[in-house]
Each structure stands twice: as C-alpha cells, then as structure tokens.
PDB file of N, CA and C in Angstrom:
ATOM      1  N   UNK A   1      10.128   2.084 -16.617  1.00  0.00           N
ATOM      2  CA  UNK A   1       8.913   2.209 -15.855  1.00  0.00           C
ATOM      3  C   UNK A   1       8.175   3.444 -16.359  1.00  0.00           C
ATOM      4  N   UNK A   2       6.870   3.352 -16.408  1.00  0.00           N
ATOM      5  CA  UNK A   2       6.052   4.482 -16.880  1.00  0.00           C
ATOM      6  C   UNK A   2       5.031   4.851 -15.815  1.00  0.00           C
ATOM      7  N   UNK A   3       4.841   6.147 -15.649  1.00  0.00           N
ATOM      8  CA  UNK A   3       3.900   6.658 -14.662  1.00  0.00           C
ATOM      9  C   UNK A   3       3.161   7.868 -15.232  1.00  0.00           C
ATOM     10  N   UNK A   4       2.210   8.356 -14.456  1.00  0.00           N
ATOM     11  CA  UNK A   4       1.535   9.603 -14.788  1.00  0.00           C
ATOM     12  C   UNK A   4       1.887  10.635 -13.717  1.00  0.00           C
ATOM     13  N   UNK A   5       1.771  11.925 -14.033  1.00  0.00           N
ATOM     14  CA  UNK A   5       2.059  12.953 -13.033  1.00  0.00           C
ATOM     15  C   UNK A   5       1.175  12.773 -11.796  1.00  0.00           C
ATOM     16  N   UNK A   6       1.777  12.857 -10.629  1.00  0.00           N
ATOM     17  CA  UNK A   6       1.040  12.789  -9.375  1.00  0.00           C
ATOM     18  C   UNK A   6       0.648  11.398  -8.931  1.00  0.00           C
ATOM     19  N   UNK A   7       1.110  10.378  -9.596  1.00  0.00           N
ATOM     20  CA  UNK A   7       0.752   9.007  -9.214  1.00  0.00           C
ATOM     21  C   UNK A   7       1.305   8.708  -7.820  1.00  0.00           C
ATOM     22  N   UNK A   8       0.446   8.349  -6.865  1.00  0.00           N
ATOM     23  CA  UNK A   8       0.920   8.079  -5.516  1.00  0.00           C
ATOM     24  C   UNK A   8       1.753   6.799  -5.410  1.00  0.00           C
ATOM     25  N   UNK A   9       1.700   5.954  -6.433  1.00  0.00           N
ATOM     26  CA  UNK A   9       2.469   4.708  -6.396  1.00  0.00           C
ATOM     27  C   UNK A   9       3.795   4.791  -7.146  1.00  0.00           C
ATOM     28  N   UNK A  10       4.115   5.935  -7.730  1.00  0.00           N
ATOM     29  CA  UNK A  10       5.346   6.061  -8.505  1.00  0.00           C
ATOM     30  C   UNK A  10       6.594   5.796  -7.664  1.00  0.00           C
ATOM     31  N   UNK A  11       6.705   6.456  -6.535  1.00  0.00           N
ATOM     32  CA  UNK A  11       7.876   6.273  -5.671  1.00  0.00           C
ATOM     33  C   UNK A  11       8.006   4.848  -5.163  1.00  0.00           C
ATOM     34  N   UNK A  12       6.938   4.289  -4.576  1.00  0.00           N
ATOM     35  CA  UNK A  12       7.012   2.897  -4.136  1.00  0.00           C
ATOM     36  C   UNK A  12       7.279   1.920  -5.284  1.00  0.00           C
ATOM     37  N   UNK A  13       6.750   2.201  -6.472  1.00  0.00           N
ATOM     38  CA  UNK A  13       6.973   1.327  -7.628  1.00  0.00           C
ATOM     39  C   UNK A  13       8.442   1.340  -8.036  1.00  0.00           C
ATOM     40  N   UNK A  14       9.038   2.516  -8.063  1.00  0.00           N
ATOM     41  CA  UNK A  14      10.455   2.632  -8.413  1.00  0.00           C
ATOM     42  C   UNK A  14      11.307   1.870  -7.408  1.00  0.00           C
ATOM     43  N   UNK A  15      11.007   2.038  -6.137  1.00  0.00           N
ATOM     44  CA  UNK A  15      11.744   1.330  -5.087  1.00  0.00           C
ATOM     45  C   UNK A  15      11.584  -0.191  -5.247  1.00  0.00           C
ATOM     46  N   UNK A  16      10.369  -0.645  -5.492  1.00  0.00           N
ATOM     47  CA  UNK A  16      10.105  -2.072  -5.683  1.00  0.00           C
ATOM     48  C   UNK A  16      10.860  -2.604  -6.901  1.00  0.00           C
ATOM     49  N   UNK A  17      10.799  -1.892  -8.012  1.00  0.00           N
ATOM     50  CA  UNK A  17      11.457  -2.334  -9.240  1.00  0.00           C
ATOM     51  C   UNK A  17      12.968  -2.445  -9.015  1.00  0.00           C
ATOM     52  N   UNK A  18      13.550  -1.447  -8.393  1.00  0.00           N
ATOM     53  CA  UNK A  18      14.999  -1.482  -8.133  1.00  0.00           C
ATOM     54  C   UNK A  18      15.357  -2.634  -7.195  1.00  0.00           C
ATOM     55  N   UNK A  19      14.544  -2.864  -6.182  1.00  0.00           N
ATOM     56  CA  UNK A  19      14.781  -3.965  -5.243  1.00  0.00           C
ATOM     57  C   UNK A  19      14.744  -5.308  -5.976  1.00  0.00           C
ATOM     58  N   UNK A  20      13.740  -5.503  -6.822  1.00  0.00           N
ATOM     59  CA  UNK A  20      13.595  -6.754  -7.561  1.00  0.00           C
ATOM     60  C   UNK A  20      14.757  -6.949  -8.531  1.00  0.00           C
ATOM     61  N   UNK A  21      15.143  -5.904  -9.244  1.00  0.00           N
ATOM     62  CA  UNK A  21      16.270  -6.034 -10.167  1.00  0.00           C
ATOM     63  C   UNK A  21      17.544  -6.417  -9.423  1.00  0.00           C
ATOM     64  N   UNK A  22      17.778  -5.776  -8.300  1.00  0.00           N
ATOM     65  CA  UNK A  22      18.948  -6.106  -7.481  1.00  0.00           C
ATOM     66  C   UNK A  22      18.893  -7.571  -7.038  1.00  0.00           C
ATOM     67  N   UNK A  23      17.728  -8.031  -6.586  1.00  0.00           N
ATOM     68  CA  UNK A  23      17.563  -9.414  -6.144  1.00  0.00           C
ATOM     69  C   UNK A  23      17.796 -10.404  -7.278  1.00  0.00           C
ATOM     70  N   UNK A  24      17.546  -9.966  -8.510  1.00  0.00           N
ATOM     71  CA  UNK A  24      17.751 -10.822  -9.677  1.00  0.00           C
ATOM     72  C   UNK A  24      19.154 -10.680 -10.269  1.00  0.00           C
ATOM     73  N   UNK A  25      20.018  -9.914  -9.589  1.00  0.00           N
ATOM     74  CA  UNK A  25      21.392  -9.749 -10.061  1.00  0.00           C
ATOM     75  C   UNK A  25      21.537  -8.775 -11.210  1.00  0.00           C
ATOM     76  N   UNK A  26      20.546  -7.906 -11.378  1.00  0.00           N
ATOM     77  CA  UNK A  26      20.572  -6.895 -12.434  1.00  0.00           C
ATOM     78  C   UNK A  26      20.826  -5.526 -11.820  1.00  0.00           C
ATOM     79  N   UNK A  27      21.321  -4.609 -12.625  1.00  0.00           N
ATOM     80  CA  UNK A  27      21.660  -3.272 -12.138  1.00  0.00           C
ATOM     81  C   UNK A  27      20.393  -2.448 -11.912  1.00  0.00           C
ATOM     82  N   UNK A  28      20.052  -2.162 -10.652  1.00  0.00           N
ATOM     83  CA  UNK A  28      18.833  -1.388 -10.379  1.00  0.00           C
ATOM     84  C   UNK A  28      18.908   0.058 -10.856  1.00  0.00           C
ATOM     85  N   UNK A  29      20.114   0.551 -11.104  1.00  0.00           N
ATOM     86  CA  UNK A  29      20.245   1.935 -11.565  1.00  0.00           C
ATOM     87  C   UNK A  29      19.889   2.097 -13.040  1.00  0.00           C
ATOM     88  N   UNK A  30      19.647   0.983 -13.720  1.00  0.00           N
ATOM     89  CA  UNK A  30      19.255   1.064 -15.122  1.00  0.00           C
ATOM     90  C   UNK A  30      17.789   1.455 -15.300  1.00  0.00           C
ATOM     91  N   UNK A  31      17.029   1.455 -14.220  1.00  0.00           N
ATOM     92  CA  UNK A  31      15.607   1.811 -14.313  1.00  0.00           C
ATOM     93  C   UNK A  31      15.484   3.286 -14.680  1.00  0.00           C
ATOM     94  N   UNK A  32      14.700   3.536 -15.709  1.00  0.00           N
ATOM     95  CA  UNK A  32      14.367   4.911 -16.057  1.00  0.00           C
ATOM     96  C   UNK A  32      12.858   5.071 -15.888  1.00  0.00           C
ATOM     97  N   UNK A  33      12.459   6.272 -15.577  1.00  0.00           N
ATOM     98  CA  UNK A  33      11.040   6.561 -15.392  1.00  0.00           C
ATOM     99  C   UNK A  33      10.614   7.524 -16.485  1.00  0.00           C
ATOM    100  N   UNK A  34       9.567   7.144 -17.198  1.00  0.00           N
ATOM    101  CA  UNK A  34       8.992   8.020 -18.211  1.00  0.00           C
ATOM    102  C   UNK A  34       7.608   8.422 -17.738  1.00  0.00           C
ATOM    103  N   UNK A  35       7.397   9.717 -17.657  1.00  0.00           N
ATOM    104  CA  UNK A  35       6.103  10.234 -17.239  1.00  0.00           C
ATOM    105  C   UNK A  35       5.237  10.465 -18.468  1.00  0.00           C
ATOM    106  N   UNK A  36       4.089   9.830 -18.486  1.00  0.00           N
ATOM    107  CA  UNK A  36       3.129   9.958 -19.582  1.00  0.00           C
ATOM    108  C   UNK A  36       2.144  11.054 -19.189  1.00  0.00           C
ATOM    109  N   UNK A  37       2.057  12.105 -20.012  1.00  0.00           N
ATOM    110  CA  UNK A  37       1.280  13.260 -19.573  1.00  0.00           C
ATOM    111  C   UNK A  37       0.107  13.638 -20.474  1.00  0.00           C
ATOM    112  N   UNK A  38      -0.125  12.888 -21.546  1.00  0.00           N
ATOM    113  CA  UNK A  38      -1.279  13.211 -22.392  1.00  0.00           C
ATOM    114  C   UNK A  38      -1.949  11.926 -22.871  1.00  0.00           C
ATOM    115  N   UNK A  39      -3.219  12.033 -23.190  1.00  0.00           N
ATOM    116  CA  UNK A  39      -3.965  10.883 -23.686  1.00  0.00           C
ATOM    117  C   UNK A  39      -3.370  10.380 -25.002  1.00  0.00           C
ATOM    118  N   UNK A  40      -2.923  11.310 -25.855  1.00  0.00           N
ATOM    119  CA  UNK A  40      -2.346  10.882 -27.135  1.00  0.00           C
ATOM    120  C   UNK A  40      -1.038  10.128 -26.910  1.00  0.00           C
ATOM    121  N   UNK A  41      -0.234  10.575 -25.972  1.00  0.00           N
ATOM    122  CA  UNK A  41       1.005   9.872 -25.643  1.00  0.00           C
ATOM    123  C   UNK A  41       0.688   8.499 -25.046  1.00  0.00           C
ATOM    124  N   UNK A  42      -0.331   8.429 -24.203  1.00  0.00           N
ATOM    125  CA  UNK A  42      -0.735   7.146 -23.619  1.00  0.00           C
ATOM    126  C   UNK A  42      -1.161   6.178 -24.711  1.00  0.00           C
ATOM    127  N   UNK A  43      -1.914   6.653 -25.683  1.00  0.00           N
ATOM    128  CA  UNK A  43      -2.354   5.788 -26.778  1.00  0.00           C
ATOM    129  C   UNK A  43      -1.164   5.333 -27.617  1.00  0.00           C
ATOM    130  N   UNK A  44      -0.274   6.268 -27.922  1.00  0.00           N
ATOM    131  CA  UNK A  44       0.910   5.945 -28.722  1.00  0.00           C
ATOM    132  C   UNK A  44       1.806   4.921 -28.026  1.00  0.00           C
ATOM    133  N   UNK A  45       1.937   5.029 -26.706  1.00  0.00           N
ATOM    134  CA  UNK A  45       2.814   4.142 -25.930  1.00  0.00           C
ATOM    135  C   UNK A  45       2.090   2.873 -25.469  1.00  0.00           C
ATOM    136  N   UNK A  46       0.800   2.746 -25.805  1.00  0.00           N
ATOM    137  CA  UNK A  46      -0.031   1.640 -25.308  1.00  0.00           C
ATOM    138  C   UNK A  46       0.081   1.541 -23.789  1.00  0.00           C
ATOM    139  N   UNK A  47      -0.025   2.698 -23.162  1.00  0.00           N
ATOM    140  CA  UNK A  47       0.108   2.832 -21.716  1.00  0.00           C
ATOM    141  C   UNK A  47      -1.189   2.422 -21.037  1.00  0.00           C
ATOM    142  N   UNK A  48      -1.120   1.389 -20.197  1.00  0.00           N
ATOM    143  CA  UNK A  48      -2.312   0.796 -19.584  1.00  0.00           C
ATOM    144  C   UNK A  48      -2.539   1.218 -18.143  1.00  0.00           C
ATOM    145  N   UNK A  49      -1.861   2.252 -17.701  1.00  0.00           N
ATOM    146  CA  UNK A  49      -2.074   2.758 -16.348  1.00  0.00           C
ATOM    147  C   UNK A  49      -0.796   2.864 -15.555  1.00  0.00           C
ATOM    148  N   UNK A  50      -0.875   3.647 -14.508  1.00  0.00           N
ATOM    149  CA  UNK A  50       0.293   3.982 -13.692  1.00  0.00           C
ATOM    150  C   UNK A  50       0.239   3.308 -12.328  1.00  0.00           C
ATOM    151  N   UNK A  51       1.356   2.738 -11.931  1.00  0.00           N
ATOM    152  CA  UNK A  51       2.629   2.581 -12.623  1.00  0.00           C
ATOM    153  C   UNK A  51       2.628   1.347 -13.513  1.00  0.00           C
ATOM    154  N   UNK A  52       3.364   1.431 -14.618  1.00  0.00           N
ATOM    155  CA  UNK A  52       3.571   0.287 -15.503  1.00  0.00           C
ATOM    156  C   UNK A  52       5.044  -0.070 -15.478  1.00  0.00           C
ATOM    157  N   UNK A  53       5.311  -1.338 -15.331  1.00  0.00           N
ATOM    158  CA  UNK A  53       6.684  -1.839 -15.290  1.00  0.00           C
ATOM    159  C   UNK A  53       7.039  -2.334 -16.686  1.00  0.00           C
ATOM    160  N   UNK A  54       8.133  -1.810 -17.236  1.00  0.00           N
ATOM    161  CA  UNK A  54       8.514  -2.142 -18.598  1.00  0.00           C
ATOM    162  C   UNK A  54       9.965  -2.594 -18.658  1.00  0.00           C
ATOM    163  N   UNK A  55      10.265  -3.367 -19.687  1.00  0.00           N
ATOM    164  CA  UNK A  55      11.640  -3.775 -19.987  1.00  0.00           C
ATOM    165  C   UNK A  55      11.744  -3.874 -21.497  1.00  0.00           C
ATOM    166  N   UNK A  56      12.728  -3.221 -22.039  1.00  0.00           N
ATOM    167  CA  UNK A  56      12.882  -3.237 -23.488  1.00  0.00           C
ATOM    168  C   UNK A  56      11.692  -2.655 -24.216  1.00  0.00           C
ATOM    169  N   UNK A  57      10.999  -1.725 -23.580  1.00  0.00           N
ATOM    170  CA  UNK A  57       9.830  -1.088 -24.180  1.00  0.00           C
ATOM    171  C   UNK A  57       8.552  -1.899 -24.083  1.00  0.00           C
ATOM    172  N   UNK A  58       8.618  -3.079 -23.469  1.00  0.00           N
ATOM    173  CA  UNK A  58       7.434  -3.936 -23.351  1.00  0.00           C
ATOM    174  C   UNK A  58       6.927  -3.962 -21.918  1.00  0.00           C
ATOM    175  N   UNK A  59       5.614  -3.982 -21.795  1.00  0.00           N
ATOM    176  CA  UNK A  59       4.966  -4.047 -20.491  1.00  0.00           C
ATOM    177  C   UNK A  59       5.198  -5.424 -19.890  1.00  0.00           C
ATOM    178  N   UNK A  60       5.697  -5.475 -18.661  1.00  0.00           N
ATOM    179  CA  UNK A  60       5.958  -6.749 -17.996  1.00  0.00           C
ATOM    180  C   UNK A  60       4.665  -7.440 -17.557  1.00  0.00           C
ATOM    181  N   UNK A  61       3.575  -6.697 -17.527  1.00  0.00           N
ATOM    182  CA  UNK A  61       2.268  -7.244 -17.153  1.00  0.00           C
ATOM    183  C   UNK A  61       1.276  -6.892 -18.267  1.00  0.00           C
ATOM    184  N   UNK A  62       1.320  -7.634 -19.376  1.00  0.00           N
ATOM    185  CA  UNK A  62       0.430  -7.312 -20.495  1.00  0.00           C
ATOM    186  C   UNK A  62      -1.026  -7.202 -20.045  1.00  0.00           C
ATOM    187  N   UNK A  63      -1.714  -6.249 -20.640  1.00  0.00           N
ATOM    188  CA  UNK A  63      -3.083  -5.961 -20.243  1.00  0.00           C
ATOM    189  C   UNK A  63      -3.916  -5.647 -21.476  1.00  0.00           C
ATOM    190  N   UNK A  64      -5.197  -5.923 -21.370  1.00  0.00           N
ATOM    191  CA  UNK A  64      -6.117  -5.561 -22.444  1.00  0.00           C
ATOM    192  C   UNK A  64      -6.901  -4.299 -22.106  1.00  0.00           C
ATOM    193  N   UNK A  65      -6.542  -3.662 -20.990  1.00  0.00           N
ATOM    194  CA  UNK A  65      -7.218  -2.416 -20.604  1.00  0.00           C
ATOM    195  C   UNK A  65      -6.989  -1.358 -21.682  1.00  0.00           C
ATOM    196  N   UNK A  66      -7.926  -0.432 -21.766  1.00  0.00           N
ATOM    197  CA  UNK A  66      -7.755   0.674 -22.699  1.00  0.00           C
ATOM    198  C   UNK A  66      -6.554   1.506 -22.296  1.00  0.00           C
ATOM    199  N   UNK A  67      -5.825   2.009 -23.280  1.00  0.00           N
ATOM    200  CA  UNK A  67      -4.711   2.916 -23.009  1.00  0.00           C
ATOM    201  C   UNK A  67      -5.278   4.240 -22.509  1.00  0.00           C
ATOM    202  N   UNK A  68      -4.591   4.857 -21.557  1.00  0.00           N
ATOM    203  CA  UNK A  68      -5.042   6.146 -21.061  1.00  0.00           C
ATOM    204  C   UNK A  68      -4.339   6.553 -19.782  1.00  0.00           C
ATOM    205  N   UNK A  69      -4.578   7.777 -19.384  1.00  0.00           N
ATOM    206  CA  UNK A  69      -4.005   8.320 -18.159  1.00  0.00           C
ATOM    207  C   UNK A  69      -4.856   7.869 -16.983  1.00  0.00           C
ATOM    208  N   UNK A  70      -4.452   6.801 -16.353  1.00  0.00           N
ATOM    209  CA  UNK A  70      -5.234   6.237 -15.255  1.00  0.00           C
ATOM    210  C   UNK A  70      -4.321   5.529 -14.277  1.00  0.00           C
ATOM    211  N   UNK A  71      -4.894   5.179 -13.145  1.00  0.00           N
ATOM    212  CA  UNK A  71      -4.181   4.347 -12.183  1.00  0.00           C
ATOM    213  C   UNK A  71      -4.264   2.904 -12.660  1.00  0.00           C
ATOM    214  N   UNK A  72      -3.312   2.124 -12.241  1.00  0.00           N
ATOM    215  CA  UNK A  72      -3.291   0.714 -12.610  1.00  0.00           C
ATOM    216  C   UNK A  72      -3.420  -0.135 -11.359  1.00  0.00           C
ATOM    217  N   UNK A  73      -4.140  -1.228 -11.480  1.00  0.00           N
ATOM    218  CA  UNK A  73      -4.300  -2.150 -10.366  1.00  0.00           C
ATOM    219  C   UNK A  73      -3.736  -3.512 -10.742  1.00  0.00           C
ATOM    220  N   UNK A  74      -3.147  -4.154  -9.753  1.00  0.00           N
ATOM    221  CA  UNK A  74      -2.547  -5.471  -9.918  1.00  0.00           C
ATOM    222  C   UNK A  74      -3.227  -6.443  -8.959  1.00  0.00           C
ATOM    223  N   UNK A  75      -3.356  -7.707  -9.368  1.00  0.00           N
ATOM    224  CA  UNK A  75      -3.919  -8.710  -8.461  1.00  0.00           C
ATOM    225  C   UNK A  75      -3.041  -8.848  -7.219  1.00  0.00           C
ATOM    226  N   UNK A  76      -3.674  -8.948  -6.083  1.00  0.00           N
ATOM    227  CA  UNK A  76      -2.955  -9.141  -4.817  1.00  0.00           C
ATOM    228  C   UNK A  76      -3.681 -10.236  -4.044  1.00  0.00           C
ATOM    229  N   UNK A  77      -3.028 -10.762  -3.049  1.00  0.00           N
ATOM    230  CA  UNK A  77      -3.611 -11.838  -2.260  1.00  0.00           C
ATOM    231  C   UNK A  77      -4.960 -11.497  -1.667  1.00  0.00           C
ATOM    232  N   UNK A  78      -5.180 -10.231  -1.376  1.00  0.00           N
ATOM    233  CA  UNK A  78      -6.430  -9.815  -0.740  1.00  0.00           C
ATOM    234  C   UNK A  78      -7.327  -8.999  -1.665  1.00  0.00           C
ATOM    235  N   UNK A  79      -7.071  -9.062  -2.969  1.00  0.00           N
ATOM    236  CA  UNK A  79      -7.883  -8.289  -3.907  1.00  0.00           C
ATOM    237  C   UNK A  79      -7.011  -7.616  -4.944  1.00  0.00           C
ATOM    238  N   UNK A  80      -7.054  -6.291  -4.984  1.00  0.00           N
ATOM    239  CA  UNK A  80      -6.267  -5.522  -5.936  1.00  0.00           C
ATOM    240  C   UNK A  80      -5.382  -4.531  -5.205  1.00  0.00           C
ATOM    241  N   UNK A  81      -4.260  -4.193  -5.837  1.00  0.00           N
ATOM    242  CA  UNK A  81      -3.306  -3.270  -5.230  1.00  0.00           C
ATOM    243  C   UNK A  81      -2.736  -2.366  -6.310  1.00  0.00           C
ATOM    244  N   UNK A  82      -2.217  -1.232  -5.904  1.00  0.00           N
ATOM    245  CA  UNK A  82      -1.580  -0.303  -6.830  1.00  0.00           C
ATOM    246  C   UNK A  82      -0.202  -0.745  -7.268  1.00  0.00           C
ATOM    247  N   UNK A  83       0.301  -1.832  -6.685  1.00  0.00           N
ATOM    248  CA  UNK A  83       1.605  -2.391  -7.047  1.00  0.00           C
ATOM    249  C   UNK A  83       1.488  -3.903  -7.156  1.00  0.00           C
ATOM    250  N   UNK A  84       2.290  -4.509  -8.044  1.00  0.00           N
ATOM    251  CA  UNK A  84       2.319  -5.967  -8.053  1.00  0.00           C
ATOM    252  C   UNK A  84       3.105  -6.458  -6.843  1.00  0.00           C
ATOM    253  N   UNK A  85       2.954  -7.714  -6.509  1.00  0.00           N
ATOM    254  CA  UNK A  85       3.787  -8.267  -5.436  1.00  0.00           C
ATOM    255  C   UNK A  85       5.220  -8.375  -5.942  1.00  0.00           C
ATOM    256  N   UNK A  86       6.159  -8.376  -5.026  1.00  0.00           N
ATOM    257  CA  UNK A  86       7.568  -8.536  -5.403  1.00  0.00           C
ATOM    258  C   UNK A  86       7.753  -9.861  -6.140  1.00  0.00           C
ATOM    259  N   UNK A  87       7.043 -10.897  -5.699  1.00  0.00           N
ATOM    260  CA  UNK A  87       7.178 -12.211  -6.329  1.00  0.00           C
ATOM    261  C   UNK A  87       6.701 -12.187  -7.781  1.00  0.00           C
ATOM    262  N   UNK A  88       5.565 -11.538  -8.043  1.00  0.00           N
ATOM    263  CA  UNK A  88       5.068 -11.510  -9.419  1.00  0.00           C
ATOM    264  C   UNK A  88       5.950 -10.636 -10.306  1.00  0.00           C
ATOM    265  N   UNK A  89       6.509  -9.564  -9.754  1.00  0.00           N
ATOM    266  CA  UNK A  89       7.417  -8.721 -10.525  1.00  0.00           C
ATOM    267  C   UNK A  89       8.712  -9.482 -10.819  1.00  0.00           C
ATOM    268  N   UNK A  90       9.206 -10.230  -9.843  1.00  0.00           N
ATOM    269  CA  UNK A  90      10.412 -11.044 -10.076  1.00  0.00           C
ATOM    270  C   UNK A  90      10.161 -12.063 -11.178  1.00  0.00           C
ATOM    271  N   UNK A  91       9.005 -12.708 -11.158  1.00  0.00           N
ATOM    272  CA  UNK A  91       8.677 -13.691 -12.193  1.00  0.00           C
ATOM    273  C   UNK A  91       8.617 -13.022 -13.569  1.00  0.00           C
ATOM    274  N   UNK A  92       8.046 -11.828 -13.643  1.00  0.00           N
ATOM    275  CA  UNK A  92       7.958 -11.103 -14.911  1.00  0.00           C
ATOM    276  C   UNK A  92       9.350 -10.716 -15.406  1.00  0.00           C
ATOM    277  N   UNK A  93      10.202 -10.269 -14.502  1.00  0.00           N
ATOM    278  CA  UNK A  93      11.577  -9.912 -14.873  1.00  0.00           C
ATOM    279  C   UNK A  93      12.320 -11.146 -15.361  1.00  0.00           C
ATOM    280  N   UNK A  94      12.180 -12.257 -14.657  1.00  0.00           N
ATOM    281  CA  UNK A  94      12.835 -13.511 -15.063  1.00  0.00           C
ATOM    282  C   UNK A  94      12.346 -13.934 -16.449  1.00  0.00           C
ATOM    283  N   UNK A  95      11.052 -13.822 -16.686  1.00  0.00           N
ATOM    284  CA  UNK A  95      10.495 -14.188 -17.987  1.00  0.00           C
ATOM    285  C   UNK A  95      11.047 -13.340 -19.115  1.00  0.00           C
ATOM    286  N   UNK A  96      11.234 -12.072 -18.852  1.00  0.00           N
ATOM    287  CA  UNK A  96      11.798 -11.168 -19.858  1.00  0.00           C
ATOM    288  C   UNK A  96      13.264 -11.496 -20.097  1.00  0.00           C
ATOM    289  N   UNK A  97      14.000 -11.756 -19.026  1.00  0.00           N
ATOM    290  CA  UNK A  97      15.423 -12.089 -19.156  1.00  0.00           C
ATOM    291  C   UNK A  97      15.585 -13.395 -19.929  1.00  0.00           C
ATOM    292  N   UNK A  98      14.730 -14.374 -19.664  1.00  0.00           N
ATOM    293  CA  UNK A  98      14.818 -15.665 -20.326  1.00  0.00           C
ATOM    294  C   UNK A  98      14.487 -15.541 -21.822  1.00  0.00           C
ATOM    295  N   UNK A  99      13.527 -14.691 -22.162  1.00  0.00           N
ATOM    296  CA  UNK A  99      13.132 -14.559 -23.557  1.00  0.00           C
ATOM    297  C   UNK A  99      14.121 -13.736 -24.376  1.00  0.00           C
ATOM    298  N   UNK A 100      15.007 -12.997 -23.709  1.00  0.00           N
ATOM    299  CA  UNK A 100      15.968 -12.179 -24.445  1.00  0.00           C
ATOM    300  C   UNK A 100      17.297 -12.900 -24.645  1.00  0.00           C
ATOM    301  N   UNK A 101      17.418 -14.123 -24.137  1.00  0.00           N
ATOM    302  CA  UNK A 101      18.667 -14.867 -24.337  1.00  0.00           C
ATOM    303  C   UNK A 101      18.541 -15.889 -25.434  1.00  0.00           C
TER     304      UNK A 101
END
C-alpha cells in the first residue's frame, strides 16, 4: 500500500486492506505501507494518489491520472470516496491472485 504523509485515509485504508486480505484467506500482516514523500518519487513509482492499494508492485486500481502527491478518489455508490468499497477491493485482490497462478 502506498500513501503520502498526513493522508487522512491511510489508517482506514490499511484497516480495510487487512480486512479484505483476511476475508480472502490471505495473511493481512503481509501488508506493508510505503510513504511517498516527493514528486520525483511519485513519478518514479507511478503513484496515482493516496491511498493506493498495491500487490506485487502493481496498482490494484489502474489509473490514467497524473502521478503526484495527491489524494485519490474511488468510485462509490453515492459518488466518490477516499477509499474503494470492500467489494471492489476484494475483486481487485481476487483478480491479482488469479493472474499470479
């Protein structure tokens, strides 16, 4: 998982990611958090906003947004949210697990 310093969604994102991994039968303690702190690092990491959910170095929610130190928004039933729904994160995790086998 990747975040920026001071991101208000970092804590809830970590909790959500661990919950989803546990629900999928994966070890939630394997989640690591990398804090992206410069524009050059964001460009190098193709960081599309905070929080970003990653597995194997790949963004679970591919985006065409410019790389940079910014907040990230996810589609939600009522518009946009700072976190994806648990269901969409589970689907992304399942897709990654399926493609790695």
